Amino acid sequence: MFWQSVVLSLDNETLARIHERADDYLYRGNSGLIAKAVTLAAIEVLEGTPRQPQWKRRKLKGIWPDQQ
């Protein structure tokens, strides 16, 4: 639950940067899912470099695009 406490303590400027990056991922990138776009954006803004998420929970069966 570490990330949950981090997200709840973010300032408005950081949230706005995540929102802008998520918009880029959603509309200009290859992510068609809002959850994935926000995840990728949050990783990039909070860690300073883009990377794929390390999923530890189940993926949404039937609608999750295959990762290459």
N, C-alpha and C. Protein backbone atom coordinates (compact mmCIF):
# COMPACT_ATOMS: atom_id res chain seq x y z
N MET A 1 0.81 -1.19 0.00
CA MET A 1 0.00 0.00 0.00
C MET A 1 0.86 1.27 0.00
N PHE A 2 2.13 1.14 -0.28
CA PHE A 2 3.04 2.28 -0.30
C PHE A 2 2.58 3.34 -1.29
N TRP A 3 2.26 2.91 -2.52
CA TRP A 3 1.89 3.88 -3.56
C TRP A 3 0.59 4.58 -3.23
N GLN A 4 -0.30 3.91 -2.53
CA GLN A 4 -1.56 4.55 -2.16
C GLN A 4 -1.31 5.77 -1.28
N SER A 5 -0.40 5.66 -0.32
CA SER A 5 -0.10 6.80 0.53
C SER A 5 0.63 7.90 -0.23
N VAL A 6 1.45 7.52 -1.21
CA VAL A 6 2.15 8.52 -2.03
C VAL A 6 1.14 9.32 -2.86
N VAL A 7 0.23 8.63 -3.48
CA VAL A 7 -0.76 9.29 -4.34
C VAL A 7 -1.63 10.25 -3.54
N LEU A 8 -2.01 9.85 -2.36
CA LEU A 8 -2.87 10.72 -1.53
C LEU A 8 -2.14 11.97 -1.05
N SER A 9 -0.81 11.98 -1.07
CA SER A 9 -0.06 13.13 -0.59
C SER A 9 0.50 14.01 -1.70
N LEU A 10 0.13 13.75 -2.96
CA LEU A 10 0.65 14.55 -4.08
C LEU A 10 0.02 15.93 -4.11
N ASP A 11 0.82 16.91 -4.53
CA ASP A 11 0.30 18.27 -4.66
C ASP A 11 -0.40 18.42 -6.02
N ASN A 12 -1.10 19.51 -6.19
CA ASN A 12 -1.89 19.74 -7.41
C ASN A 12 -1.01 19.83 -8.65
N GLU A 13 0.17 20.39 -8.53
CA GLU A 13 1.08 20.52 -9.68
C GLU A 13 1.51 19.14 -10.20
N THR A 14 1.83 18.24 -9.30
CA THR A 14 2.24 16.89 -9.70
C THR A 14 1.07 16.14 -10.32
N LEU A 15 -0.11 16.28 -9.73
CA LEU A 15 -1.30 15.63 -10.30
C LEU A 15 -1.60 16.17 -11.70
N ALA A 16 -1.39 17.47 -11.90
CA ALA A 16 -1.61 18.06 -13.23
C ALA A 16 -0.61 17.50 -14.24
N ARG A 17 0.66 17.31 -13.83
CA ARG A 17 1.66 16.73 -14.73
C ARG A 17 1.30 15.28 -15.08
N ILE A 18 0.82 14.52 -14.10
CA ILE A 18 0.38 13.14 -14.37
C ILE A 18 -0.79 13.16 -15.35
N HIS A 19 -1.73 14.08 -15.15
CA HIS A 19 -2.88 14.19 -16.03
C HIS A 19 -2.45 14.49 -17.46
N GLU A 20 -1.51 15.42 -17.63
CA GLU A 20 -1.03 15.78 -18.96
C GLU A 20 -0.34 14.60 -19.65
N ARG A 21 0.50 13.86 -18.90
CA ARG A 21 1.19 12.71 -19.48
C ARG A 21 0.20 11.60 -19.81
N ALA A 22 -0.80 11.41 -18.94
CA ALA A 22 -1.82 10.39 -19.21
C ALA A 22 -2.58 10.73 -20.48
N ASP A 23 -2.85 12.01 -20.68
CA ASP A 23 -3.51 12.45 -21.91
C ASP A 23 -2.66 12.08 -23.13
N ASP A 24 -1.35 12.30 -23.03
CA ASP A 24 -0.45 11.93 -24.13
C ASP A 24 -0.49 10.44 -24.39
N TYR A 25 -0.41 9.64 -23.34
CA TYR A 25 -0.43 8.18 -23.51
C TYR A 25 -1.76 7.71 -24.09
N LEU A 26 -2.84 8.32 -23.65
CA LEU A 26 -4.17 7.86 -24.07
C LEU A 26 -4.47 8.24 -25.52
N TYR A 27 -4.17 9.47 -25.90
CA TYR A 27 -4.57 9.93 -27.22
C TYR A 27 -3.47 9.93 -28.27
N ARG A 28 -2.22 9.98 -27.84
CA ARG A 28 -1.13 10.02 -28.82
C ARG A 28 -0.26 8.78 -28.77
N GLY A 29 -0.42 7.99 -27.73
CA GLY A 29 0.40 6.79 -27.56
C GLY A 29 -0.33 5.55 -28.02
N ASN A 30 0.06 4.43 -27.47
CA ASN A 30 -0.54 3.16 -27.89
C ASN A 30 -1.43 2.56 -26.81
N SER A 31 -1.76 3.33 -25.77
CA SER A 31 -2.60 2.81 -24.70
C SER A 31 -4.04 3.27 -24.91
N GLY A 32 -4.94 2.33 -25.07
CA GLY A 32 -6.34 2.67 -25.24
C GLY A 32 -7.13 2.58 -23.94
N LEU A 33 -6.48 2.14 -22.88
CA LEU A 33 -7.16 2.00 -21.61
C LEU A 33 -6.76 3.14 -20.67
N ILE A 34 -7.75 3.75 -20.05
CA ILE A 34 -7.49 4.88 -19.16
C ILE A 34 -6.61 4.45 -17.99
N ALA A 35 -6.89 3.30 -17.39
CA ALA A 35 -6.11 2.84 -16.24
C ALA A 35 -4.64 2.66 -16.60
N LYS A 36 -4.38 2.11 -17.77
CA LYS A 36 -2.99 1.91 -18.19
C LYS A 36 -2.32 3.25 -18.48
N ALA A 37 -3.03 4.16 -19.12
CA ALA A 37 -2.46 5.47 -19.43
C ALA A 37 -2.10 6.23 -18.15
N VAL A 38 -2.97 6.20 -17.15
CA VAL A 38 -2.69 6.88 -15.89
C VAL A 38 -1.54 6.19 -15.16
N THR A 39 -1.49 4.87 -15.21
CA THR A 39 -0.39 4.14 -14.57
C THR A 39 0.95 4.50 -15.18
N LEU A 40 1.02 4.48 -16.51
CA LEU A 40 2.27 4.82 -17.20
C LEU A 40 2.68 6.26 -16.91
N ALA A 41 1.71 7.16 -16.89
CA ALA A 41 2.00 8.58 -16.62
C ALA A 41 2.50 8.77 -15.20
N ALA A 42 1.86 8.11 -14.24
CA ALA A 42 2.27 8.25 -12.84
C ALA A 42 3.68 7.71 -12.63
N ILE A 43 4.00 6.59 -13.25
CA ILE A 43 5.35 6.04 -13.14
C ILE A 43 6.36 7.03 -13.70
N GLU A 44 6.06 7.58 -14.87
CA GLU A 44 6.99 8.51 -15.51
C GLU A 44 7.19 9.78 -14.67
N VAL A 45 6.12 10.34 -14.16
CA VAL A 45 6.23 11.59 -13.39
C VAL A 45 6.88 11.35 -12.03
N LEU A 46 6.49 10.31 -11.34
CA LEU A 46 6.99 10.08 -9.99
C LEU A 46 8.41 9.52 -9.96
N GLU A 47 8.77 8.68 -10.95
CA GLU A 47 10.10 8.08 -10.96
C GLU A 47 11.07 8.82 -11.86
N GLY A 48 10.55 9.67 -12.74
CA GLY A 48 11.42 10.46 -13.60
C GLY A 48 11.81 9.80 -14.91
N THR A 49 11.41 8.58 -15.13
CA THR A 49 11.72 7.89 -16.37
C THR A 49 10.58 6.93 -16.72
N PRO A 50 10.23 6.81 -17.99
CA PRO A 50 9.14 5.90 -18.35
C PRO A 50 9.58 4.44 -18.30
N ARG A 51 8.68 3.57 -17.91
CA ARG A 51 8.90 2.13 -17.92
C ARG A 51 7.54 1.46 -17.90
N GLN A 52 7.52 0.19 -18.24
CA GLN A 52 6.28 -0.58 -18.16
C GLN A 52 6.01 -0.94 -16.70
N PRO A 53 4.75 -1.00 -16.31
CA PRO A 53 4.43 -1.36 -14.93
C PRO A 53 4.75 -2.83 -14.65
N GLN A 54 5.04 -3.12 -13.41
CA GLN A 54 5.29 -4.49 -12.99
C GLN A 54 4.01 -4.97 -12.30
N TRP A 55 3.13 -5.57 -13.07
CA TRP A 55 1.82 -5.97 -12.55
C TRP A 55 1.97 -7.13 -11.58
N LYS A 56 1.38 -6.98 -10.42
CA LYS A 56 1.37 -8.05 -9.44
C LYS A 56 -0.05 -8.57 -9.21
N ARG A 57 -1.01 -7.89 -9.76
CA ARG A 57 -2.40 -8.31 -9.62
C ARG A 57 -2.92 -8.81 -10.95
N ARG A 58 -4.10 -9.37 -10.94
CA ARG A 58 -4.65 -9.95 -12.17
C ARG A 58 -4.91 -8.87 -13.21
N LYS A 59 -4.82 -9.26 -14.44
CA LYS A 59 -5.14 -8.34 -15.54
C LYS A 59 -6.61 -8.51 -15.89
N LEU A 60 -7.17 -7.52 -16.54
CA LEU A 60 -8.58 -7.56 -16.90
C LEU A 60 -8.75 -8.52 -18.08
N LYS A 61 -9.26 -9.70 -17.79
CA LYS A 61 -9.38 -10.71 -18.83
C LYS A 61 -10.41 -10.30 -19.87
N GLY A 62 -10.06 -10.49 -21.12
CA GLY A 62 -10.97 -10.21 -22.21
C GLY A 62 -10.84 -8.82 -22.79
N ILE A 63 -10.32 -7.85 -22.03
CA ILE A 63 -10.19 -6.50 -22.58
C ILE A 63 -8.76 -5.99 -22.51
N TRP A 64 -7.86 -6.73 -21.87
CA TRP A 64 -6.48 -6.28 -21.72
C TRP A 64 -5.71 -6.59 -22.98
N PRO A 65 -5.08 -5.58 -23.63
CA PRO A 65 -4.32 -5.86 -24.85
C PRO A 65 -3.07 -6.67 -24.54
N ASP A 66 -2.69 -7.52 -25.48
CA ASP A 66 -1.49 -8.33 -25.30
C ASP A 66 -0.25 -7.46 -25.32
N GLN A 67 0.66 -7.72 -24.40
CA GLN A 67 1.91 -6.99 -24.36
C GLN A 67 2.92 -7.68 -25.27
N GLN A 68 3.66 -6.90 -26.02
CA GLN A 68 4.63 -7.48 -26.94
C GLN A 68 6.01 -7.35 -26.37
